[in-house]
Amino acid sequence: MLREPERALAFEHRLLAFFQEYVAPLTGQSLCPAAIDKALCSAGGWCGLSPRLRWPYRSVEVEAVEHLARAARAKLPELWT
């Protein structure tokens, strides 16, 4: 950020766009914040856990997590370098 502020701002805009397009719709599905957090961790491969939560909480569907993973890798490749 300090060395390349324009590049950092461009990444911030892409990150916000990713959250608006792919994550925000999940909030309208009566999911708790923990379900979305766990789905993002699972999609990013940053935890060795599945996206499933215990009852009575609803989890993000595995297909949606896989979709998040593909989209994040395509739109935010810096997170995997």
PDB file of N, CA and C in Angstrom:
ATOM      1  N   MET A   1       0.818  -1.180   0.000  1.00  0.00           N
ATOM      2  CA  MET A   1       0.000   0.000   0.000  1.00  0.00           C
ATOM      3  C   MET A   1       0.871   1.256   0.000  1.00  0.00           C
ATOM      4  N   LEU A   2       1.933   1.219   0.750  1.00  0.00           N
ATOM      5  CA  LEU A   2       2.779   2.408   0.818  1.00  0.00           C
ATOM      6  C   LEU A   2       3.591   2.608  -0.452  1.00  0.00           C
ATOM      7  N   ARG A   3       4.055   1.504  -1.038  1.00  0.00           N
ATOM      8  CA  ARG A   3       4.882   1.612  -2.242  1.00  0.00           C
ATOM      9  C   ARG A   3       4.072   1.806  -3.507  1.00  0.00           C
ATOM     10  N   GLU A   4       2.876   1.199  -3.561  1.00  0.00           N
ATOM     11  CA  GLU A   4       2.053   1.250  -4.770  1.00  0.00           C
ATOM     12  C   GLU A   4       0.601   1.573  -4.412  1.00  0.00           C
ATOM     13  N   PRO A   5       0.335   2.794  -3.972  1.00  0.00           N
ATOM     14  CA  PRO A   5      -1.025   3.110  -3.519  1.00  0.00           C
ATOM     15  C   PRO A   5      -2.095   2.955  -4.607  1.00  0.00           C
ATOM     16  N   GLU A   6      -1.769   3.261  -5.860  1.00  0.00           N
ATOM     17  CA  GLU A   6      -2.768   3.111  -6.929  1.00  0.00           C
ATOM     18  C   GLU A   6      -3.139   1.646  -7.109  1.00  0.00           C
ATOM     19  N   ARG A   7      -2.142   0.787  -7.050  1.00  0.00           N
ATOM     20  CA  ARG A   7      -2.402  -0.653  -7.181  1.00  0.00           C
ATOM     21  C   ARG A   7      -3.227  -1.161  -6.002  1.00  0.00           C
ATOM     22  N   ALA A   8      -2.930  -0.662  -4.805  1.00  0.00           N
ATOM     23  CA  ALA A   8      -3.689  -1.058  -3.618  1.00  0.00           C
ATOM     24  C   ALA A   8      -5.146  -0.621  -3.733  1.00  0.00           C
ATOM     25  N   LEU A   9      -5.378   0.583  -4.222  1.00  0.00           N
ATOM     26  CA  LEU A   9      -6.747   1.054  -4.402  1.00  0.00           C
ATOM     27  C   LEU A   9      -7.487   0.251  -5.458  1.00  0.00           C
ATOM     28  N   ALA A  10      -6.797  -0.129  -6.514  1.00  0.00           N
ATOM     29  CA  ALA A  10      -7.424  -0.953  -7.548  1.00  0.00           C
ATOM     30  C   ALA A  10      -7.828  -2.307  -6.967  1.00  0.00           C
ATOM     31  N   PHE A  11      -6.951  -2.894  -6.142  1.00  0.00           N
ATOM     32  CA  PHE A  11      -7.287  -4.168  -5.504  1.00  0.00           C
ATOM     33  C   PHE A  11      -8.478  -3.994  -4.560  1.00  0.00           C
ATOM     34  N   GLU A  12      -8.489  -2.912  -3.804  1.00  0.00           N
ATOM     35  CA  GLU A  12      -9.607  -2.657  -2.894  1.00  0.00           C
ATOM     36  C   GLU A  12     -10.923  -2.594  -3.657  1.00  0.00           C
ATOM     37  N   HIS A  13     -10.937  -1.927  -4.794  1.00  0.00           N
ATOM     38  CA  HIS A  13     -12.158  -1.833  -5.599  1.00  0.00           C
ATOM     39  C   HIS A  13     -12.593  -3.210  -6.095  1.00  0.00           C
ATOM     40  N   ARG A  14     -11.631  -4.027  -6.537  1.00  0.00           N
ATOM     41  CA  ARG A  14     -11.981  -5.381  -7.003  1.00  0.00           C
ATOM     42  C   ARG A  14     -12.474  -6.242  -5.851  1.00  0.00           C
ATOM     43  N   LEU A  15     -11.875  -6.084  -4.673  1.00  0.00           N
ATOM     44  CA  LEU A  15     -12.303  -6.847  -3.497  1.00  0.00           C
ATOM     45  C   LEU A  15     -13.725  -6.471  -3.098  1.00  0.00           C
ATOM     46  N   LEU A  16     -14.005  -5.182  -3.067  1.00  0.00           N
ATOM     47  CA  LEU A  16     -15.360  -4.735  -2.739  1.00  0.00           C
ATOM     48  C   LEU A  16     -16.369  -5.218  -3.776  1.00  0.00           C
ATOM     49  N   ALA A  17     -15.999  -5.177  -5.046  1.00  0.00           N
ATOM     50  CA  ALA A  17     -16.893  -5.666  -6.104  1.00  0.00           C
ATOM     51  C   ALA A  17     -17.151  -7.161  -5.940  1.00  0.00           C
ATOM     52  N   PHE A  18     -16.102  -7.911  -5.582  1.00  0.00           N
ATOM     53  CA  PHE A  18     -16.269  -9.351  -5.346  1.00  0.00           C
ATOM     54  C   PHE A  18     -17.270  -9.593  -4.216  1.00  0.00           C
ATOM     55  N   PHE A  19     -17.106  -8.867  -3.111  1.00  0.00           N
ATOM     56  CA  PHE A  19     -18.025  -9.056  -1.983  1.00  0.00           C
ATOM     57  C   PHE A  19     -19.447  -8.666  -2.357  1.00  0.00           C
ATOM     58  N   GLN A  20     -19.613  -7.596  -3.119  1.00  0.00           N
ATOM     59  CA  GLN A  20     -20.961  -7.199  -3.527  1.00  0.00           C
ATOM     60  C   GLN A  20     -21.600  -8.234  -4.446  1.00  0.00           C
ATOM     61  N   GLU A  21     -20.815  -8.766  -5.363  1.00  0.00           N
ATOM     62  CA  GLU A  21     -21.378  -9.697  -6.352  1.00  0.00           C
ATOM     63  C   GLU A  21     -21.579 -11.105  -5.809  1.00  0.00           C
ATOM     64  N   TYR A  22     -20.646 -11.589  -4.990  1.00  0.00           N
ATOM     65  CA  TYR A  22     -20.671 -12.996  -4.589  1.00  0.00           C
ATOM     66  C   TYR A  22     -21.008 -13.247  -3.123  1.00  0.00           C
ATOM     67  N   VAL A  23     -20.680 -12.336  -2.245  1.00  0.00           N
ATOM     68  CA  VAL A  23     -20.888 -12.575  -0.816  1.00  0.00           C
ATOM     69  C   VAL A  23     -22.183 -11.933  -0.331  1.00  0.00           C
ATOM     70  N   ALA A  24     -22.449 -10.718  -0.737  1.00  0.00           N
ATOM     71  CA  ALA A  24     -23.660 -10.026  -0.281  1.00  0.00           C
ATOM     72  C   ALA A  24     -24.941 -10.825  -0.555  1.00  0.00           C
ATOM     73  N   PRO A  25     -25.067 -11.493  -1.709  1.00  0.00           N
ATOM     74  CA  PRO A  25     -26.289 -12.279  -1.924  1.00  0.00           C
ATOM     75  C   PRO A  25     -26.495 -13.387  -0.884  1.00  0.00           C
ATOM     76  N   LEU A  26     -25.421 -13.861  -0.289  1.00  0.00           N
ATOM     77  CA  LEU A  26     -25.556 -14.903   0.735  1.00  0.00           C
ATOM     78  C   LEU A  26     -26.241 -14.368   1.987  1.00  0.00           C
ATOM     79  N   THR A  27     -26.087 -13.074   2.246  1.00  0.00           N
ATOM     80  CA  THR A  27     -26.697 -12.507   3.452  1.00  0.00           C
ATOM     81  C   THR A  27     -28.220 -12.495   3.366  1.00  0.00           C
ATOM     82  N   GLY A  28     -28.761 -12.556   2.180  1.00  0.00           N
ATOM     83  CA  GLY A  28     -30.207 -12.590   2.013  1.00  0.00           C
ATOM     84  C   GLY A  28     -30.797 -13.986   2.093  1.00  0.00           C
ATOM     85  N   GLN A  29     -29.997 -14.964   2.462  1.00  0.00           N
ATOM     86  CA  GLN A  29     -30.457 -16.357   2.525  1.00  0.00           C
ATOM     87  C   GLN A  29     -30.645 -16.849   3.952  1.00  0.00           C
ATOM     88  N   SER A  30     -30.851 -15.937   4.886  1.00  0.00           N
ATOM     89  CA  SER A  30     -31.047 -16.281   6.302  1.00  0.00           C
ATOM     90  C   SER A  30     -29.888 -17.095   6.869  1.00  0.00           C
ATOM     91  N   LEU A  31     -28.684 -16.727   6.464  1.00  0.00           N
ATOM     92  CA  LEU A  31     -27.480 -17.382   6.982  1.00  0.00           C
ATOM     93  C   LEU A  31     -26.871 -16.496   8.060  1.00  0.00           C
ATOM     94  N   CYS A  32     -26.329 -17.112   9.086  1.00  0.00           N
ATOM     95  CA  CYS A  32     -25.667 -16.323  10.115  1.00  0.00           C
ATOM     96  C   CYS A  32     -24.281 -15.902   9.612  1.00  0.00           C
ATOM     97  N   PRO A  33     -23.720 -14.844  10.180  1.00  0.00           N
ATOM     98  CA  PRO A  33     -22.391 -14.400   9.748  1.00  0.00           C
ATOM     99  C   PRO A  33     -21.328 -15.486   9.846  1.00  0.00           C
ATOM    100  N   ALA A  34     -21.426 -16.355  10.824  1.00  0.00           N
ATOM    101  CA  ALA A  34     -20.444 -17.441  10.961  1.00  0.00           C
ATOM    102  C   ALA A  34     -20.489 -18.379   9.761  1.00  0.00           C
ATOM    103  N   ALA A  35     -21.659 -18.596   9.193  1.00  0.00           N
ATOM    104  CA  ALA A  35     -21.784 -19.464   8.020  1.00  0.00           C
ATOM    105  C   ALA A  35     -21.057 -18.847   6.832  1.00  0.00           C
ATOM    106  N   ILE A  36     -21.189 -17.549   6.665  1.00  0.00           N
ATOM    107  CA  ILE A  36     -20.531 -16.866   5.557  1.00  0.00           C
ATOM    108  C   ILE A  36     -19.025 -16.833   5.782  1.00  0.00           C
ATOM    109  N   ASP A  37     -18.603 -16.555   7.009  1.00  0.00           N
ATOM    110  CA  ASP A  37     -17.169 -16.562   7.327  1.00  0.00           C
ATOM    111  C   ASP A  37     -16.552 -17.930   7.051  1.00  0.00           C
ATOM    112  N   LYS A  38     -17.225 -18.979   7.491  1.00  0.00           N
ATOM    113  CA  LYS A  38     -16.694 -20.328   7.298  1.00  0.00           C
ATOM    114  C   LYS A  38     -16.677 -20.695   5.819  1.00  0.00           C
ATOM    115  N   ALA A  39     -17.676 -20.257   5.071  1.00  0.00           N
ATOM    116  CA  ALA A  39     -17.704 -20.517   3.636  1.00  0.00           C
ATOM    117  C   ALA A  39     -16.532 -19.840   2.943  1.00  0.00           C
ATOM    118  N   LEU A  40     -16.246 -18.594   3.328  1.00  0.00           N
ATOM    119  CA  LEU A  40     -15.120 -17.876   2.727  1.00  0.00           C
ATOM    120  C   LEU A  40     -13.794 -18.546   3.068  1.00  0.00           C
ATOM    121  N   CYS A  41     -13.630 -18.978   4.311  1.00  0.00           N
ATOM    122  CA  CYS A  41     -12.399 -19.679   4.697  1.00  0.00           C
ATOM    123  C   CYS A  41     -12.249 -20.976   3.914  1.00  0.00           C
ATOM    124  N   SER A  42     -13.331 -21.695   3.779  1.00  0.00           N
ATOM    125  CA  SER A  42     -13.302 -22.948   3.032  1.00  0.00           C
ATOM    126  C   SER A  42     -13.015 -22.692   1.550  1.00  0.00           C
ATOM    127  N   ALA A  43     -13.644 -21.676   0.988  1.00  0.00           N
ATOM    128  CA  ALA A  43     -13.433 -21.354  -0.424  1.00  0.00           C
ATOM    129  C   ALA A  43     -11.994 -20.947  -0.688  1.00  0.00           C
ATOM    130  N   GLY A  44     -11.398 -20.251   0.253  1.00  0.00           N
ATOM    131  CA  GLY A  44     -10.021 -19.805   0.093  1.00  0.00           C
ATOM    132  C   GLY A  44      -8.990 -20.860   0.426  1.00  0.00           C
ATOM    133  N   GLY A  45      -9.437 -21.967   1.014  1.00  0.00           N
ATOM    134  CA  GLY A  45      -8.503 -23.012   1.404  1.00  0.00           C
ATOM    135  C   GLY A  45      -7.663 -22.618   2.608  1.00  0.00           C
ATOM    136  N   TRP A  46      -8.150 -21.668   3.395  1.00  0.00           N
ATOM    137  CA  TRP A  46      -7.392 -21.168   4.534  1.00  0.00           C
ATOM    138  C   TRP A  46      -7.686 -21.931   5.803  1.00  0.00           C
ATOM    139  N   CYS A  47      -8.510 -22.939   5.709  1.00  0.00           N
ATOM    140  CA  CYS A  47      -8.768 -23.793   6.870  1.00  0.00           C
ATOM    141  C   CYS A  47      -9.022 -25.197   6.340  1.00  0.00           C
ATOM    142  N   GLY A  48      -8.753 -26.150   7.125  1.00  0.00           N
ATOM    143  CA  GLY A  48      -8.969 -27.526   6.705  1.00  0.00           C
ATOM    144  C   GLY A  48     -10.364 -28.017   7.053  1.00  0.00           C
ATOM    145  N   LEU A  49     -11.303 -27.100   7.146  1.00  0.00           N
ATOM    146  CA  LEU A  49     -12.658 -27.446   7.565  1.00  0.00           C
ATOM    147  C   LEU A  49     -13.633 -27.355   6.412  1.00  0.00           C
ATOM    148  N   SER A  50     -14.720 -28.048   6.569  1.00  0.00           N
ATOM    149  CA  SER A  50     -15.790 -27.913   5.586  1.00  0.00           C
ATOM    150  C   SER A  50     -16.578 -26.647   5.923  1.00  0.00           C
ATOM    151  N   PRO A  51     -17.418 -26.208   5.016  1.00  0.00           N
ATOM    152  CA  PRO A  51     -18.220 -25.014   5.293  1.00  0.00           C
ATOM    153  C   PRO A  51     -19.442 -25.302   6.169  1.00  0.00           C
ATOM    154  N   ARG A  52     -19.599 -26.527   6.614  1.00  0.00           N
ATOM    155  CA  ARG A  52     -20.791 -26.924   7.365  1.00  0.00           C
ATOM    156  C   ARG A  52     -20.772 -26.392   8.795  1.00  0.00           C
ATOM    157  N   LEU A  53     -21.932 -25.967   9.257  1.00  0.00           N
ATOM    158  CA  LEU A  53     -22.141 -25.575  10.650  1.00  0.00           C
ATOM    159  C   LEU A  53     -23.040 -26.603  11.319  1.00  0.00           C
ATOM    160  N   ARG A  54     -22.994 -26.639  12.616  1.00  0.00           N
ATOM    161  CA  ARG A  54     -23.849 -27.565  13.354  1.00  0.00           C
ATOM    162  C   ARG A  54     -25.259 -26.997  13.467  1.00  0.00           C
ATOM    163  N   TRP A  55     -26.201 -27.907  13.632  1.00  0.00           N
ATOM    164  CA  TRP A  55     -27.581 -27.531  13.856  1.00  0.00           C
ATOM    165  C   TRP A  55     -27.634 -26.653  15.093  1.00  0.00           C
ATOM    166  N   PRO A  56     -28.412 -25.624  15.110  1.00  0.00           N
ATOM    167  CA  PRO A  56     -29.554 -25.275  14.269  1.00  0.00           C
ATOM    168  C   PRO A  56     -29.209 -24.304  13.142  1.00  0.00           C
ATOM    169  N   TYR A  57     -27.930 -24.067  12.918  1.00  0.00           N
ATOM    170  CA  TYR A  57     -27.529 -23.091  11.921  1.00  0.00           C
ATOM    171  C   TYR A  57     -27.516 -23.678  10.522  1.00  0.00           C
ATOM    172  N   ARG A  58     -27.855 -22.818   9.550  1.00  0.00           N
ATOM    173  CA  ARG A  58     -27.798 -23.213   8.143  1.00  0.00           C
ATOM    174  C   ARG A  58     -26.406 -22.916   7.606  1.00  0.00           C
ATOM    175  N   SER A  59     -25.937 -23.757   6.735  1.00  0.00           N
ATOM    176  CA  SER A  59     -24.618 -23.591   6.121  1.00  0.00           C
ATOM    177  C   SER A  59     -24.773 -23.143   4.679  1.00  0.00           C
ATOM    178  N   VAL A  60     -23.713 -22.552   4.149  1.00  0.00           N
ATOM    179  CA  VAL A  60     -23.660 -22.245   2.730  1.00  0.00           C
ATOM    180  C   VAL A  60     -23.488 -23.572   1.997  1.00  0.00           C
ATOM    181  N   GLU A  61     -24.250 -23.764   0.952  1.00  0.00           N
ATOM    182  CA  GLU A  61     -24.180 -25.011   0.191  1.00  0.00           C
ATOM    183  C   GLU A  61     -22.789 -25.204  -0.414  1.00  0.00           C
ATOM    184  N   VAL A  62     -22.351 -26.445  -0.504  1.00  0.00           N
ATOM    185  CA  VAL A  62     -21.018 -26.768  -1.014  1.00  0.00           C
ATOM    186  C   VAL A  62     -20.834 -26.224  -2.429  1.00  0.00           C
ATOM    187  N   GLU A  63     -21.864 -26.299  -3.258  1.00  0.00           N
ATOM    188  CA  GLU A  63     -21.767 -25.789  -4.621  1.00  0.00           C
ATOM    189  C   GLU A  63     -21.507 -24.280  -4.626  1.00  0.00           C
ATOM    190  N   ALA A  64     -22.145 -23.562  -3.711  1.00  0.00           N
ATOM    191  CA  ALA A  64     -21.944 -22.117  -3.618  1.00  0.00           C
ATOM    192  C   ALA A  64     -20.525 -21.803  -3.151  1.00  0.00           C
ATOM    193  N   VAL A  65     -19.982 -22.615  -2.254  1.00  0.00           N
ATOM    194  CA  VAL A  65     -18.606 -22.428  -1.784  1.00  0.00           C
ATOM    195  C   VAL A  65     -17.632 -22.675  -2.935  1.00  0.00           C
ATOM    196  N   GLU A  66     -17.881 -23.694  -3.725  1.00  0.00           N
ATOM    197  CA  GLU A  66     -17.026 -23.972  -4.882  1.00  0.00           C
ATOM    198  C   GLU A  66     -17.098 -22.817  -5.885  1.00  0.00           C
ATOM    199  N   HIS A  67     -18.274 -22.261  -6.067  1.00  0.00           N
ATOM    200  CA  HIS A  67     -18.451 -21.102  -6.956  1.00  0.00           C
ATOM    201  C   HIS A  67     -17.673 -19.901  -6.424  1.00  0.00           C
ATOM    202  N   LEU A  68     -17.742 -19.674  -5.110  1.00  0.00           N
ATOM    203  CA  LEU A  68     -16.965 -18.596  -4.489  1.00  0.00           C
ATOM    204  C   LEU A  68     -15.478 -18.793  -4.731  1.00  0.00           C
ATOM    205  N   ALA A  69     -15.010 -20.018  -4.584  1.00  0.00           N
ATOM    206  CA  ALA A  69     -13.587 -20.315  -4.763  1.00  0.00           C
ATOM    207  C   ALA A  69     -13.141 -20.011  -6.191  1.00  0.00           C
ATOM    208  N   ARG A  70     -13.913 -20.452  -7.166  1.00  0.00           N
ATOM    209  CA  ARG A  70     -13.552 -20.195  -8.566  1.00  0.00           C
ATOM    210  C   ARG A  70     -13.551 -18.698  -8.863  1.00  0.00           C
ATOM    211  N   ALA A  71     -14.565 -18.003  -8.382  1.00  0.00           N
ATOM    212  CA  ALA A  71     -14.670 -16.565  -8.635  1.00  0.00           C
ATOM    213  C   ALA A  71     -13.534 -15.802  -7.958  1.00  0.00           C
ATOM    214  N   ALA A  72     -13.219 -16.164  -6.743  1.00  0.00           N
ATOM    215  CA  ALA A  72     -12.147 -15.467  -6.022  1.00  0.00           C
ATOM    216  C   ALA A  72     -10.799 -15.673  -6.708  1.00  0.00           C
ATOM    217  N   ARG A  73     -10.541 -16.881  -7.148  1.00  0.00           N
ATOM    218  CA  ARG A  73      -9.269 -17.149  -7.826  1.00  0.00           C
ATOM    219  C   ARG A  73      -9.173 -16.370  -9.143  1.00  0.00           C
ATOM    220  N   ALA A  74     -10.286 -16.212  -9.817  1.00  0.00           N
ATOM    221  CA  ALA A  74     -10.289 -15.488 -11.086  1.00  0.00           C
ATOM    222  C   ALA A  74     -10.200 -13.976 -10.891  1.00  0.00           C
ATOM    223  N   LYS A  75     -10.919 -13.460  -9.881  1.00  0.00           N
ATOM    224  CA  LYS A  75     -11.015 -12.015  -9.721  1.00  0.00           C
ATOM    225  C   LYS A  75      -9.996 -11.430  -8.745  1.00  0.00           C
ATOM    226  N   LEU A  76      -9.450 -12.274  -7.860  1.00  0.00           N
ATOM    227  CA  LEU A  76      -8.506 -11.788  -6.838  1.00  0.00           C
ATOM    228  C   LEU A  76      -7.283 -12.691  -6.781  1.00  0.00           C
ATOM    229  N   PRO A  77      -6.573 -12.850  -7.874  1.00  0.00           N
ATOM    230  CA  PRO A  77      -5.471 -13.815  -7.913  1.00  0.00           C
ATOM    231  C   PRO A  77      -4.329 -13.481  -6.938  1.00  0.00           C
ATOM    232  N   GLU A  78      -4.234 -12.226  -6.510  1.00  0.00           N
ATOM    233  CA  GLU A  78      -3.181 -11.855  -5.560  1.00  0.00           C
ATOM    234  C   GLU A  78      -3.270 -12.623  -4.251  1.00  0.00           C
ATOM    235  N   LEU A  79      -4.450 -13.078  -3.902  1.00  0.00           N
ATOM    236  CA  LEU A  79      -4.624 -13.799  -2.648  1.00  0.00           C
ATOM    237  C   LEU A  79      -3.998 -15.194  -2.682  1.00  0.00           C
ATOM    238  N   TRP A  80      -3.612 -15.663  -3.869  1.00  0.00           N
ATOM    239  CA  TRP A  80      -3.041 -17.005  -3.995  1.00  0.00           C
ATOM    240  C   TRP A  80      -1.617 -16.987  -4.506  1.00  0.00           C
ATOM    241  N   THR A  81      -0.967 -15.865  -4.505  1.00  0.00           N
ATOM    242  CA  THR A  81       0.421 -15.816  -4.992  1.00  0.00           C
ATOM    243  C   THR A  81       1.394 -15.897  -3.850  1.00  0.00           C
TER     244      THR A  81
END
